[in-house]
Amino acid sequence: MGEMILVLGGSRSGKSRLAERLAGEAGPVTYVATAGRDDSDLEMVARIERHRANRPRDWTTMEVPRGLEGVLPGLVAREGAVVIDCLTLWLSNLILGLGGAALEDEAVLEAVDRAAAAARGRARVVWVSNEVGSGIVPADPLARRFSDVQGWANQRLAAASDAVHLCVAGLSIRLK
């Protein structure tokens, strides 16, 4: 049976780089991008292209902004690795209703639980997620809600994972 790994960190912490290295050690890699591509957001397009340029050409890339729990069983049924980058953008899509109806907090967390269960199979699955709880409590109600849901989702995924790493300034430490 494969293993599930969670890689946490802030923006530009090195979490994607670590996740890609961990996945590359396990064989053929499928990279699941959760950001819905919006060509009018030039900064995000540039960010996506930077990530894509850094990945090996033989990796398969899929864009899955919603419905991870439906896609994962087929991906994890075979040997190799799956990188899910990232939980944070996927949660944003669910909370804000991008690509479907907006979900309430408990429904979002239930979707996280279903996706974590669906990620169990033969492949190594490496989740990437932002650690957003290290800063101040946001002043905006939606930002506070998101920070709370992100923290709860990270806790649930960490509990379900075989290993958890935290990245800061390009360095990582294994927490679990």
N, C-alpha and C. Protein backbone atom coordinates (compact mmCIF):
# COMPACT_ATOMS: atom_id res chain seq x y z
N MET A 1 0.84 -1.18 0.00
CA MET A 1 0.00 0.00 0.00
C MET A 1 0.88 1.24 0.00
N GLY A 2 0.45 2.27 -0.70
CA GLY A 2 1.20 3.52 -0.78
C GLY A 2 1.11 4.31 0.51
N GLU A 3 1.84 5.39 0.53
CA GLU A 3 1.81 6.23 1.72
C GLU A 3 1.27 7.60 1.37
N MET A 4 0.79 8.31 2.39
CA MET A 4 0.28 9.65 2.22
C MET A 4 1.16 10.60 3.03
N ILE A 5 1.61 11.66 2.37
CA ILE A 5 2.51 12.63 2.98
C ILE A 5 1.89 14.02 2.84
N LEU A 6 1.96 14.82 3.89
CA LEU A 6 1.50 16.20 3.87
C LEU A 6 2.72 17.11 4.01
N VAL A 7 2.84 18.08 3.11
CA VAL A 7 3.93 19.06 3.16
C VAL A 7 3.29 20.42 3.38
N LEU A 8 3.60 21.03 4.52
CA LEU A 8 3.06 22.33 4.91
C LEU A 8 4.12 23.41 4.81
N GLY A 9 3.68 24.65 4.61
CA GLY A 9 4.60 25.78 4.62
C GLY A 9 3.90 27.03 4.14
N GLY A 10 4.55 28.15 4.32
CA GLY A 10 4.02 29.41 3.85
C GLY A 10 4.36 29.63 2.38
N SER A 11 4.03 30.81 1.88
CA SER A 11 4.35 31.15 0.50
C SER A 11 5.85 31.15 0.30
N ARG A 12 6.28 30.55 -0.79
CA ARG A 12 7.70 30.50 -1.18
C ARG A 12 8.58 29.86 -0.10
N SER A 13 8.02 28.88 0.61
CA SER A 13 8.76 28.21 1.68
C SER A 13 9.59 27.04 1.20
N GLY A 14 9.30 26.57 -0.04
CA GLY A 14 9.98 25.39 -0.56
C GLY A 14 9.12 24.14 -0.50
N LYS A 15 7.85 24.30 -0.13
CA LYS A 15 6.99 23.13 0.05
C LYS A 15 6.73 22.39 -1.26
N SER A 16 6.51 23.10 -2.36
CA SER A 16 6.28 22.41 -3.64
C SER A 16 7.54 21.68 -4.09
N ARG A 17 8.68 22.29 -3.90
CA ARG A 17 9.94 21.65 -4.29
C ARG A 17 10.16 20.35 -3.50
N LEU A 18 9.90 20.39 -2.18
CA LEU A 18 10.02 19.18 -1.37
C LEU A 18 9.01 18.12 -1.83
N ALA A 19 7.78 18.52 -2.06
CA ALA A 19 6.75 17.57 -2.49
C ALA A 19 7.15 16.91 -3.81
N GLU A 20 7.68 17.69 -4.73
CA GLU A 20 8.09 17.15 -6.02
C GLU A 20 9.25 16.17 -5.85
N ARG A 21 10.17 16.46 -4.95
CA ARG A 21 11.29 15.54 -4.71
C ARG A 21 10.78 14.23 -4.10
N LEU A 22 9.91 14.33 -3.11
CA LEU A 22 9.35 13.13 -2.48
C LEU A 22 8.57 12.28 -3.48
N ALA A 23 7.84 12.93 -4.36
CA ALA A 23 7.07 12.19 -5.37
C ALA A 23 7.99 11.55 -6.39
N GLY A 24 9.01 12.28 -6.82
CA GLY A 24 9.93 11.77 -7.83
C GLY A 24 10.65 10.51 -7.41
N GLU A 25 10.81 10.31 -6.11
CA GLU A 25 11.47 9.11 -5.59
C GLU A 25 10.61 7.86 -5.73
N ALA A 26 9.31 8.03 -6.00
CA ALA A 26 8.37 6.90 -5.97
C ALA A 26 8.00 6.36 -7.34
N GLY A 27 8.53 6.94 -8.41
CA GLY A 27 8.20 6.42 -9.73
C GLY A 27 7.44 7.43 -10.57
N PRO A 28 6.69 6.97 -11.56
CA PRO A 28 5.97 7.90 -12.44
C PRO A 28 5.05 8.81 -11.63
N VAL A 29 5.03 10.09 -12.00
CA VAL A 29 4.32 11.09 -11.19
C VAL A 29 3.17 11.71 -11.98
N THR A 30 2.03 11.80 -11.31
CA THR A 30 0.91 12.60 -11.80
C THR A 30 0.81 13.81 -10.89
N TYR A 31 0.84 14.98 -11.50
CA TYR A 31 0.78 16.24 -10.77
C TYR A 31 -0.64 16.78 -10.90
N VAL A 32 -1.33 16.91 -9.77
CA VAL A 32 -2.71 17.40 -9.76
C VAL A 32 -2.69 18.85 -9.30
N ALA A 33 -2.96 19.75 -10.23
CA ALA A 33 -3.01 21.18 -9.93
C ALA A 33 -4.45 21.56 -9.59
N THR A 34 -4.64 22.18 -8.45
CA THR A 34 -5.99 22.50 -8.01
C THR A 34 -6.40 23.93 -8.35
N ALA A 35 -5.47 24.73 -8.83
CA ALA A 35 -5.81 26.11 -9.20
C ALA A 35 -6.55 26.09 -10.53
N GLY A 36 -7.70 26.71 -10.55
CA GLY A 36 -8.38 26.90 -11.82
C GLY A 36 -7.65 27.99 -12.57
N ARG A 37 -7.27 27.73 -13.80
CA ARG A 37 -6.49 28.71 -14.56
C ARG A 37 -7.40 29.82 -15.07
N ASP A 38 -7.04 31.05 -14.72
CA ASP A 38 -7.75 32.25 -15.15
C ASP A 38 -6.73 33.11 -15.89
N ASP A 39 -6.81 33.13 -17.21
CA ASP A 39 -5.81 33.84 -18.01
C ASP A 39 -5.82 35.35 -17.79
N SER A 40 -6.84 35.89 -17.13
CA SER A 40 -6.84 37.33 -16.83
C SER A 40 -5.99 37.66 -15.60
N ASP A 41 -5.65 36.65 -14.80
CA ASP A 41 -4.81 36.83 -13.61
C ASP A 41 -3.36 36.53 -14.02
N LEU A 42 -2.68 37.55 -14.52
CA LEU A 42 -1.34 37.36 -15.09
C LEU A 42 -0.32 36.87 -14.06
N GLU A 43 -0.43 37.32 -12.82
CA GLU A 43 0.51 36.87 -11.79
C GLU A 43 0.34 35.38 -11.54
N MET A 44 -0.91 34.91 -11.47
CA MET A 44 -1.15 33.49 -11.23
C MET A 44 -0.72 32.67 -12.44
N VAL A 45 -0.95 33.16 -13.64
CA VAL A 45 -0.50 32.46 -14.85
C VAL A 45 1.02 32.30 -14.81
N ALA A 46 1.73 33.37 -14.44
CA ALA A 46 3.20 33.30 -14.35
C ALA A 46 3.63 32.31 -13.27
N ARG A 47 2.93 32.29 -12.16
CA ARG A 47 3.24 31.36 -11.06
C ARG A 47 3.05 29.92 -11.53
N ILE A 48 1.95 29.65 -12.22
CA ILE A 48 1.68 28.31 -12.74
C ILE A 48 2.77 27.90 -13.73
N GLU A 49 3.14 28.80 -14.60
CA GLU A 49 4.17 28.50 -15.61
C GLU A 49 5.53 28.23 -14.96
N ARG A 50 5.87 28.97 -13.90
CA ARG A 50 7.13 28.71 -13.18
C ARG A 50 7.12 27.31 -12.60
N HIS A 51 6.02 26.95 -11.96
CA HIS A 51 5.92 25.59 -11.39
C HIS A 51 6.03 24.55 -12.49
N ARG A 52 5.32 24.76 -13.59
CA ARG A 52 5.32 23.79 -14.69
C ARG A 52 6.72 23.64 -15.27
N ALA A 53 7.45 24.73 -15.42
CA ALA A 53 8.81 24.68 -15.99
C ALA A 53 9.77 23.92 -15.08
N ASN A 54 9.52 23.92 -13.79
CA ASN A 54 10.40 23.24 -12.84
C ASN A 54 10.14 21.73 -12.76
N ARG A 55 9.00 21.28 -13.25
CA ARG A 55 8.67 19.86 -13.18
C ARG A 55 9.28 19.10 -14.35
N PRO A 56 9.66 17.85 -14.12
CA PRO A 56 10.16 17.02 -15.23
C PRO A 56 9.10 16.89 -16.33
N ARG A 57 9.56 16.84 -17.56
CA ARG A 57 8.65 16.79 -18.72
C ARG A 57 7.84 15.50 -18.79
N ASP A 58 8.34 14.44 -18.17
CA ASP A 58 7.61 13.16 -18.27
C ASP A 58 6.49 13.03 -17.23
N TRP A 59 6.31 14.04 -16.40
CA TRP A 59 5.22 14.01 -15.44
C TRP A 59 3.91 14.34 -16.15
N THR A 60 2.84 13.68 -15.74
CA THR A 60 1.51 13.99 -16.25
C THR A 60 0.90 15.06 -15.36
N THR A 61 0.29 16.08 -15.97
CA THR A 61 -0.36 17.14 -15.20
C THR A 61 -1.86 17.12 -15.46
N MET A 62 -2.62 17.22 -14.38
CA MET A 62 -4.08 17.31 -14.46
C MET A 62 -4.52 18.54 -13.68
N GLU A 63 -5.50 19.26 -14.20
CA GLU A 63 -6.09 20.37 -13.46
C GLU A 63 -7.42 19.90 -12.87
N VAL A 64 -7.49 19.93 -11.54
CA VAL A 64 -8.69 19.45 -10.83
C VAL A 64 -9.06 20.49 -9.77
N PRO A 65 -9.76 21.56 -10.15
CA PRO A 65 -10.12 22.58 -9.17
C PRO A 65 -11.20 22.15 -8.18
N ARG A 66 -11.97 21.12 -8.52
CA ARG A 66 -13.00 20.56 -7.63
C ARG A 66 -13.08 19.07 -7.92
N GLY A 67 -13.70 18.32 -7.01
CA GLY A 67 -13.95 16.91 -7.27
C GLY A 67 -12.74 16.00 -7.12
N LEU A 68 -11.80 16.37 -6.25
CA LEU A 68 -10.62 15.52 -6.04
C LEU A 68 -11.01 14.10 -5.65
N GLU A 69 -12.01 13.98 -4.79
CA GLU A 69 -12.39 12.65 -4.29
C GLU A 69 -12.85 11.73 -5.41
N GLY A 70 -13.31 12.29 -6.52
CA GLY A 70 -13.72 11.47 -7.65
C GLY A 70 -12.59 11.07 -8.57
N VAL A 71 -11.52 11.86 -8.59
CA VAL A 71 -10.38 11.62 -9.48
C VAL A 71 -9.32 10.73 -8.83
N LEU A 72 -9.12 10.89 -7.54
CA LEU A 72 -8.01 10.22 -6.85
C LEU A 72 -8.02 8.69 -6.91
N PRO A 73 -9.16 8.01 -6.76
CA PRO A 73 -9.10 6.54 -6.76
C PRO A 73 -8.43 5.96 -8.01
N GLY A 74 -8.68 6.52 -9.16
CA GLY A 74 -8.04 6.03 -10.38
C GLY A 74 -6.56 6.31 -10.42
N LEU A 75 -6.14 7.41 -9.81
CA LEU A 75 -4.72 7.78 -9.83
C LEU A 75 -3.90 6.96 -8.85
N VAL A 76 -4.48 6.61 -7.71
CA VAL A 76 -3.71 5.91 -6.68
C VAL A 76 -3.79 4.39 -6.81
N ALA A 77 -4.53 3.91 -7.79
CA ALA A 77 -4.68 2.47 -7.98
C ALA A 77 -3.42 1.83 -8.54
N ARG A 78 -2.50 2.63 -9.05
CA ARG A 78 -1.27 2.09 -9.65
C ARG A 78 -0.05 2.60 -8.89
N GLU A 79 1.08 1.94 -9.12
CA GLU A 79 2.35 2.35 -8.52
C GLU A 79 2.73 3.74 -9.01
N GLY A 80 3.58 4.42 -8.27
CA GLY A 80 4.05 5.74 -8.66
C GLY A 80 3.69 6.75 -7.60
N ALA A 81 3.48 7.99 -8.03
CA ALA A 81 3.20 9.05 -7.08
C ALA A 81 2.20 10.04 -7.65
N VAL A 82 1.51 10.70 -6.74
CA VAL A 82 0.58 11.76 -7.08
C VAL A 82 0.92 12.95 -6.19
N VAL A 83 1.12 14.11 -6.80
CA VAL A 83 1.30 15.35 -6.04
C VAL A 83 0.02 16.15 -6.18
N ILE A 84 -0.54 16.59 -5.06
CA ILE A 84 -1.72 17.44 -5.08
C ILE A 84 -1.28 18.82 -4.59
N ASP A 85 -1.24 19.77 -5.50
CA ASP A 85 -0.72 21.10 -5.21
C ASP A 85 -1.74 22.14 -5.68
N CYS A 86 -2.52 22.71 -4.78
CA CYS A 86 -2.40 22.51 -3.35
C CYS A 86 -3.77 22.47 -2.69
N LEU A 87 -3.78 21.98 -1.47
CA LEU A 87 -5.01 21.89 -0.69
C LEU A 87 -5.63 23.28 -0.50
N THR A 88 -4.81 24.29 -0.31
CA THR A 88 -5.29 25.64 -0.04
C THR A 88 -6.14 26.18 -1.18
N LEU A 89 -5.67 26.04 -2.41
CA LEU A 89 -6.45 26.53 -3.55
C LEU A 89 -7.72 25.71 -3.74
N TRP A 90 -7.62 24.40 -3.48
CA TRP A 90 -8.81 23.55 -3.59
C TRP A 90 -9.86 23.99 -2.57
N LEU A 91 -9.43 24.27 -1.33
CA LEU A 91 -10.36 24.76 -0.31
C LEU A 91 -10.98 26.08 -0.73
N SER A 92 -10.18 26.97 -1.29
CA SER A 92 -10.70 28.26 -1.78
C SER A 92 -11.80 28.04 -2.80
N ASN A 93 -11.56 27.12 -3.73
CA ASN A 93 -12.56 26.83 -4.75
C ASN A 93 -13.87 26.34 -4.12
N LEU A 94 -13.76 25.50 -3.09
CA LEU A 94 -14.96 24.97 -2.43
C LEU A 94 -15.68 26.05 -1.63
N ILE A 95 -14.92 26.85 -0.88
CA ILE A 95 -15.51 27.87 -0.02
C ILE A 95 -16.15 28.99 -0.84
N LEU A 96 -15.48 29.41 -1.91
CA LEU A 96 -15.96 30.53 -2.71
C LEU A 96 -16.93 30.11 -3.81
N GLY A 97 -17.08 28.80 -4.01
CA GLY A 97 -18.02 28.33 -5.01
C GLY A 97 -17.50 28.40 -6.43
N LEU A 98 -16.18 28.43 -6.62
CA LEU A 98 -15.63 28.46 -7.97
C LEU A 98 -15.85 27.11 -8.63
N GLY A 99 -16.49 27.10 -9.76
CA GLY A 99 -16.75 25.86 -10.47
C GLY A 99 -17.91 25.06 -9.90
N GLY A 100 -18.70 25.66 -9.04
CA GLY A 100 -19.84 24.96 -8.43
C GLY A 100 -20.39 25.78 -7.28
N ALA A 101 -21.25 25.18 -6.50
CA ALA A 101 -21.86 25.88 -5.38
C ALA A 101 -20.86 26.06 -4.25
N ALA A 102 -20.96 27.20 -3.55
CA ALA A 102 -20.14 27.43 -2.36
C ALA A 102 -20.58 26.46 -1.27
N LEU A 103 -19.63 25.98 -0.50
CA LEU A 103 -19.92 25.01 0.56
C LEU A 103 -19.75 25.64 1.94
N GLU A 104 -20.54 25.18 2.89
CA GLU A 104 -20.39 25.58 4.28
C GLU A 104 -19.18 24.86 4.87
N ASP A 105 -18.69 25.35 6.01
CA ASP A 105 -17.45 24.84 6.60
C ASP A 105 -17.46 23.32 6.78
N GLU A 106 -18.51 22.79 7.38
CA GLU A 106 -18.54 21.35 7.65
C GLU A 106 -18.55 20.55 6.36
N ALA A 107 -19.22 21.04 5.33
CA ALA A 107 -19.22 20.35 4.03
C ALA A 107 -17.83 20.37 3.40
N VAL A 108 -17.11 21.47 3.59
CA VAL A 108 -15.73 21.54 3.08
C VAL A 108 -14.86 20.51 3.79
N LEU A 109 -14.98 20.43 5.11
CA LEU A 109 -14.17 19.48 5.87
C LEU A 109 -14.55 18.04 5.55
N GLU A 110 -15.82 17.79 5.29
CA GLU A 110 -16.23 16.45 4.86
C GLU A 110 -15.61 16.11 3.50
N ALA A 111 -15.51 17.10 2.61
CA ALA A 111 -14.86 16.88 1.32
C ALA A 111 -13.38 16.56 1.51
N VAL A 112 -12.74 17.21 2.49
CA VAL A 112 -11.34 16.91 2.80
C VAL A 112 -11.22 15.46 3.27
N ASP A 113 -12.11 15.04 4.16
CA ASP A 113 -12.08 13.66 4.65
C ASP A 113 -12.28 12.66 3.51
N ARG A 114 -13.22 12.95 2.61
CA ARG A 114 -13.46 12.05 1.47
C ARG A 114 -12.24 11.99 0.55
N ALA A 115 -11.62 13.15 0.32
CA ALA A 115 -10.43 13.17 -0.54
C ALA A 115 -9.28 12.42 0.11
N ALA A 116 -9.10 12.58 1.41
CA ALA A 116 -8.03 11.85 2.11
C ALA A 116 -8.27 10.34 2.02
N ALA A 117 -9.50 9.91 2.20
CA ALA A 117 -9.81 8.48 2.09
C ALA A 117 -9.59 7.98 0.66
N ALA A 118 -9.96 8.80 -0.31
CA ALA A 118 -9.80 8.42 -1.72
C ALA A 118 -8.34 8.38 -2.14
N ALA A 119 -7.47 9.05 -1.37
CA ALA A 119 -6.05 9.10 -1.70
C ALA A 119 -5.29 7.86 -1.26
N ARG A 120 -5.97 6.94 -0.59
CA ARG A 120 -5.31 5.70 -0.14
C ARG A 120 -5.34 4.67 -1.26
N GLY A 121 -4.16 4.17 -1.60
CA GLY A 121 -4.05 3.17 -2.66
C GLY A 121 -2.61 2.70 -2.76
N ARG A 122 -2.18 2.37 -3.95
CA ARG A 122 -0.83 1.85 -4.16
C ARG A 122 0.20 2.97 -4.34
N ALA A 123 -0.23 4.14 -4.75
CA ALA A 123 0.69 5.24 -5.05
C ALA A 123 1.06 6.01 -3.79
N ARG A 124 2.22 6.66 -3.84
CA ARG A 124 2.59 7.65 -2.81
C ARG A 124 1.85 8.93 -3.17
N VAL A 125 1.10 9.47 -2.24
CA VAL A 125 0.36 10.71 -2.46
C VAL A 125 0.99 11.79 -1.59
N VAL A 126 1.38 12.89 -2.22
CA VAL A 126 2.01 14.00 -1.51
C VAL A 126 1.10 15.23 -1.65
N TRP A 127 0.53 15.63 -0.55
CA TRP A 127 -0.33 16.82 -0.50
C TRP A 127 0.54 18.03 -0.17
N VAL A 128 0.27 19.15 -0.80
CA VAL A 128 0.92 20.42 -0.49
C VAL A 128 -0.16 21.34 0.08
N SER A 129 0.15 22.00 1.20
CA SER A 129 -0.82 22.89 1.80
C SER A 129 -0.11 24.05 2.48
N ASN A 130 -0.78 25.19 2.49
CA ASN A 130 -0.23 26.36 3.16
C ASN A 130 -0.53 26.32 4.65
N GLU A 131 0.46 26.71 5.43
CA GLU A 131 0.28 26.90 6.86
C GLU A 131 -0.06 28.37 7.04
N VAL A 132 -1.34 28.66 7.25
CA VAL A 132 -1.79 30.05 7.32
C VAL A 132 -2.03 30.52 8.76
N GLY A 133 -1.88 29.63 9.71
CA GLY A 133 -2.21 29.97 11.09
C GLY A 133 -1.08 30.56 11.91
N SER A 134 0.04 30.87 11.29
CA SER A 134 1.18 31.39 12.05
C SER A 134 1.18 32.90 12.16
N GLY A 135 0.26 33.56 11.48
CA GLY A 135 0.21 35.02 11.51
C GLY A 135 -0.87 35.52 12.44
N ILE A 136 -1.22 36.77 12.25
CA ILE A 136 -2.26 37.39 13.07
C ILE A 136 -3.63 36.87 12.65
N VAL A 137 -4.60 37.04 13.52
CA VAL A 137 -5.98 36.70 13.18
C VAL A 137 -6.46 37.75 12.18
N PRO A 138 -6.92 37.31 11.00
CA PRO A 138 -7.34 38.28 9.98
C PRO A 138 -8.49 39.16 10.46
N ALA A 139 -8.52 40.41 9.98
CA ALA A 139 -9.57 41.36 10.36
C ALA A 139 -10.86 41.11 9.60
N ASP A 140 -10.76 40.57 8.40
CA ASP A 140 -11.91 40.35 7.52
C ASP A 140 -12.61 39.03 7.87
N PRO A 141 -13.94 39.02 7.97
CA PRO A 141 -14.66 37.79 8.34
C PRO A 141 -14.40 36.61 7.38
N LEU A 142 -14.38 36.86 6.07
CA LEU A 142 -14.14 35.77 5.13
C LEU A 142 -12.72 35.23 5.29
N ALA A 143 -11.75 36.12 5.50
CA ALA A 143 -10.36 35.68 5.69
C ALA A 143 -10.23 34.87 6.98
N ARG A 144 -10.93 35.29 8.04
CA ARG A 144 -10.91 34.52 9.30
C ARG A 144 -11.53 33.14 9.08
N ARG A 145 -12.64 33.10 8.38
CA ARG A 145 -13.29 31.82 8.09
C ARG A 145 -12.34 30.92 7.32
N PHE A 146 -11.71 31.46 6.29
CA PHE A 146 -10.81 30.65 5.48
C PHE A 146 -9.64 30.14 6.32
N SER A 147 -9.05 31.01 7.13
CA SER A 147 -7.92 30.62 7.97
C SER A 147 -8.32 29.49 8.92
N ASP A 148 -9.51 29.59 9.50
CA ASP A 148 -10.00 28.53 10.39
C ASP A 148 -10.19 27.22 9.64
N VAL A 149 -10.87 27.27 8.51
CA VAL A 149 -11.13 26.04 7.74
C VAL A 149 -9.82 25.43 7.27
N GLN A 150 -8.89 26.28 6.82
CA GLN A 150 -7.59 25.77 6.38
C GLN A 150 -6.87 25.07 7.53
N GLY A 151 -6.90 25.66 8.71
CA GLY A 151 -6.26 25.04 9.87
C GLY A 151 -6.89 23.71 10.23
N TRP A 152 -8.22 23.66 10.22
CA TRP A 152 -8.91 22.39 10.53
C TRP A 152 -8.61 21.34 9.46
N ALA A 153 -8.61 21.76 8.20
CA ALA A 153 -8.32 20.82 7.11
C ALA A 153 -6.90 20.27 7.23
N ASN A 154 -5.94 21.14 7.55
CA ASN A 154 -4.56 20.68 7.73
C ASN A 154 -4.48 19.66 8.87
N GLN A 155 -5.20 19.93 9.97
CA GLN A 155 -5.19 18.98 11.09
C GLN A 155 -5.75 17.63 10.68
N ARG A 156 -6.84 17.63 9.94
CA ARG A 156 -7.45 16.37 9.50
C ARG A 156 -6.53 15.62 8.56
N LEU A 157 -5.92 16.34 7.63
CA LEU A 157 -5.03 15.68 6.67
C LEU A 157 -3.77 15.20 7.37
N ALA A 158 -3.26 15.96 8.33
CA ALA A 158 -2.08 15.52 9.09
C ALA A 158 -2.38 14.24 9.86
N ALA A 159 -3.55 14.17 10.46
CA ALA A 159 -3.93 12.96 11.21
C ALA A 159 -4.03 11.75 10.29
N ALA A 160 -4.48 11.96 9.06
CA ALA A 160 -4.64 10.85 8.11
C ALA A 160 -3.35 10.47 7.40
N SER A 161 -2.34 11.34 7.48
CA SER A 161 -1.09 11.12 6.73
C SER A 161 -0.11 10.25 7.50
N ASP A 162 0.74 9.57 6.73
CA ASP A 162 1.80 8.76 7.32
C ASP A 162 2.99 9.62 7.74
N ALA A 163 3.19 10.73 7.04
CA ALA A 163 4.30 11.64 7.34
C ALA A 163 3.83 13.07 7.09
N VAL A 164 4.37 14.00 7.89
CA VAL A 164 4.06 15.43 7.74
C VAL A 164 5.37 16.19 7.82
N HIS A 165 5.59 17.09 6.86
CA HIS A 165 6.79 17.93 6.83
C HIS A 165 6.37 19.39 6.88
N LEU A 166 7.18 20.22 7.52
CA LEU A 166 6.97 21.67 7.55
C LEU A 166 8.16 22.33 6.87
N CYS A 167 7.89 23.21 5.92
CA CYS A 167 8.95 23.93 5.20
C CYS A 167 8.96 25.40 5.59
N VAL A 168 10.16 25.91 5.82
CA VAL A 168 10.37 27.32 6.12
C VAL A 168 11.68 27.72 5.46
N ALA A 169 11.68 28.78 4.66
CA ALA A 169 12.90 29.33 4.06
C ALA A 169 13.70 28.28 3.28
N GLY A 170 12.99 27.39 2.61
CA GLY A 170 13.67 26.37 1.81
C GLY A 170 14.19 25.18 2.59
N LEU A 171 13.96 25.16 3.89
CA LEU A 171 14.39 24.05 4.74
C LEU A 171 13.15 23.32 5.23
N SER A 172 13.31 22.03 5.52
CA SER A 172 12.15 21.28 6.00
C SER A 172 12.50 20.49 7.24
N ILE A 173 11.47 20.24 8.02
CA ILE A 173 11.59 19.40 9.20
C ILE A 173 10.42 18.43 9.18
N ARG A 174 10.70 17.18 9.49
CA ARG A 174 9.64 16.18 9.54
C ARG A 174 8.98 16.25 10.91
N LEU A 175 7.67 16.45 10.93
CA LEU A 175 6.91 16.55 12.16
C LEU A 175 6.33 15.21 12.59
N LYS A 176 6.04 14.37 11.61
CA LYS A 176 5.41 13.07 11.88
C LYS A 176 6.01 12.05 10.94
